[in-house]
């Protein structure tokens, strides 16, 4: 891949990384504030159930963000190594259109679909 394409992709990846990390930091600060405001007061059962449901949603989103951060870091590493745009599995070129749509992509669409179809 040519440098004129890779450099903007690197900047996009870094911006995506910052975008994912920022809300997490803000969310943790807000959670801390709420805990401090409530102190050790006991919660009603309904509030506890709502908190539990909210925590499950938050954890699921956190897991998705972690997977995306890992993919972004992997793509940034590939840029440093000079292998950005080449599949991690086959070494084949990843189409430019795919990298424009998903800059953290490290597999071809076919390879990713094959992995997703495999039973977990």
Protein backbone atom coordinates (compact mmCIF):
# COMPACT_ATOMS: atom_id res chain seq x y z
CA UNK A 1 0.00 0.00 0.00
CA UNK A 2 1.19 3.47 -0.77
CA UNK A 3 2.14 5.88 1.99
CA UNK A 4 -0.40 8.44 0.75
CA UNK A 5 -3.13 5.96 1.75
CA UNK A 6 -1.54 4.54 4.89
CA UNK A 7 -0.85 7.83 6.70
CA UNK A 8 -4.50 9.00 6.67
CA UNK A 9 -5.51 5.49 7.75
CA UNK A 10 -3.10 5.69 10.69
CA UNK A 11 -4.66 9.00 11.74
CA UNK A 12 -8.17 7.52 11.42
CA UNK A 13 -7.17 4.53 13.55
CA UNK A 14 -5.70 6.77 16.24
CA UNK A 15 -8.86 8.93 16.22
CA UNK A 16 -11.07 5.82 16.50
CA UNK A 17 -8.97 4.58 19.39
CA UNK A 18 -9.31 7.90 21.23
CA UNK A 19 -13.04 7.98 20.52
CA UNK A 20 -13.53 4.54 22.08
CA UNK A 21 -11.38 5.28 25.13
CA UNK A 22 -12.86 8.70 25.95
CA UNK A 23 -16.44 7.61 26.79
CA UNK A 24 -15.08 4.77 28.93
CA UNK A 25 -13.02 7.16 31.03
CA UNK A 26 -15.99 9.55 31.39
CA UNK A 27 -18.29 6.65 32.31
CA UNK A 28 -15.94 5.39 35.02
CA UNK A 29 -15.69 8.88 36.51
CA UNK A 30 -19.50 9.19 36.57
CA UNK A 31 -19.86 5.78 38.22
CA UNK A 32 -17.40 6.85 40.90
CA UNK A 33 -19.36 10.06 41.52
CA UNK A 34 -22.63 8.14 41.87
CA UNK A 35 -21.07 5.65 44.30
CA UNK A 36 -19.61 8.45 46.39
CA UNK A 37 -22.93 10.33 46.43
CA UNK A 38 -24.87 7.25 47.52
CA UNK A 39 -22.30 6.27 50.08
CA UNK A 40 -23.06 3.03 51.85
CA UNK A 41 -26.84 3.56 51.78
CA UNK A 42 -28.84 0.45 51.10
CA UNK A 43 -30.67 0.32 47.79
CA UNK A 44 -34.19 -0.79 47.14
CA UNK A 45 -34.52 -4.13 45.36
CA UNK A 46 -35.83 -2.45 42.20
CA UNK A 47 -32.90 -0.05 42.06
CA UNK A 48 -30.48 -2.93 42.54
CA UNK A 49 -32.12 -4.88 39.70
CA UNK A 50 -31.95 -1.84 37.42
CA UNK A 51 -28.31 -1.33 38.31
CA UNK A 52 -27.60 -4.99 37.57
CA UNK A 53 -29.28 -4.79 34.15
CA UNK A 54 -27.42 -1.58 33.36
CA UNK A 55 -24.13 -3.18 34.40
CA UNK A 56 -24.77 -6.14 32.08
CA UNK A 57 -25.40 -3.78 29.16
CA UNK A 58 -22.34 -1.74 30.07
CA UNK A 59 -20.21 -4.90 30.23
CA UNK A 60 -21.42 -6.10 26.82
CA UNK A 61 -20.59 -2.72 25.27
CA UNK A 62 -17.24 -2.73 27.05
CA UNK A 63 -16.46 -6.17 25.58
CA UNK A 64 -17.28 -4.93 22.06
CA UNK A 65 -15.10 -1.85 22.59
CA UNK A 66 -12.23 -4.02 23.87
CA UNK A 67 -12.37 -6.23 20.78
CA UNK A 68 -12.40 -3.16 18.53
CA UNK A 69 -9.50 -1.59 20.46
CA UNK A 70 -7.52 -4.78 20.02
CA UNK A 71 -8.20 -4.73 16.27
CA UNK A 72 -7.21 -1.06 16.05
CA UNK A 73 -3.98 -1.69 17.96
CA UNK A 74 -3.27 -4.66 15.70
CA UNK A 75 -3.77 -2.50 12.58
CA UNK A 76 -1.53 0.26 13.99
CA UNK A 77 1.14 -2.36 14.68
CA UNK A 78 0.84 -3.61 11.09
CA UNK A 79 1.39 -0.04 9.86
CA UNK A 80 4.61 0.13 11.91
CA UNK A 81 5.72 -3.25 10.53
CA UNK A 82 4.90 -2.29 6.95
CA UNK A 83 2.30 -5.05 6.58
CA UNK A 84 -0.87 -2.94 6.74
CA UNK A 85 -3.29 -4.00 4.03
CA UNK A 86 -2.14 -7.62 4.04
CA UNK A 87 -4.26 -10.36 5.57
CA UNK A 88 -3.03 -11.86 8.83
CA UNK A 89 -4.12 -15.30 7.63
CA UNK A 90 -3.21 -15.53 3.96
CA UNK A 91 -0.97 -12.54 3.34
CA UNK A 92 -3.29 -11.54 0.49
CA UNK A 93 -3.99 -7.87 -0.13
CA UNK A 94 -7.07 -6.55 1.64
CA UNK A 95 -9.07 -4.45 -0.83
CA UNK A 96 -8.66 -0.71 -0.36
CA UNK A 97 -12.45 -0.25 -0.19
CA UNK A 98 -12.59 -2.61 2.81
CA UNK A 99 -9.82 -0.71 4.58
CA UNK A 100 -11.59 2.58 3.90
CA UNK A 101 -14.79 1.17 5.41
CA UNK A 102 -13.08 -0.69 8.25
CA UNK A 103 -9.57 0.69 8.78
CA UNK A 104 -8.88 -1.85 11.54
CA UNK A 105 -9.52 -4.77 9.19
CA UNK A 106 -6.70 -7.34 9.17
CA UNK A 107 -8.51 -10.06 7.20
CA UNK A 108 -10.24 -10.20 3.84
CA UNK A 109 -14.04 -10.25 3.94
CA UNK A 110 -14.05 -13.92 2.92
CA UNK A 111 -11.64 -14.90 5.71
CA UNK A 112 -13.62 -12.99 8.31
CA UNK A 113 -16.91 -14.54 7.15
CA UNK A 114 -15.36 -18.01 7.31
CA UNK A 115 -14.24 -17.41 10.91
CA UNK A 116 -17.66 -16.03 11.90
CA UNK A 117 -19.39 -19.14 10.51
CA UNK A 118 -17.26 -21.48 12.61
CA UNK A 119 -19.00 -22.80 15.74
CA UNK A 120 -17.74 -21.29 18.95
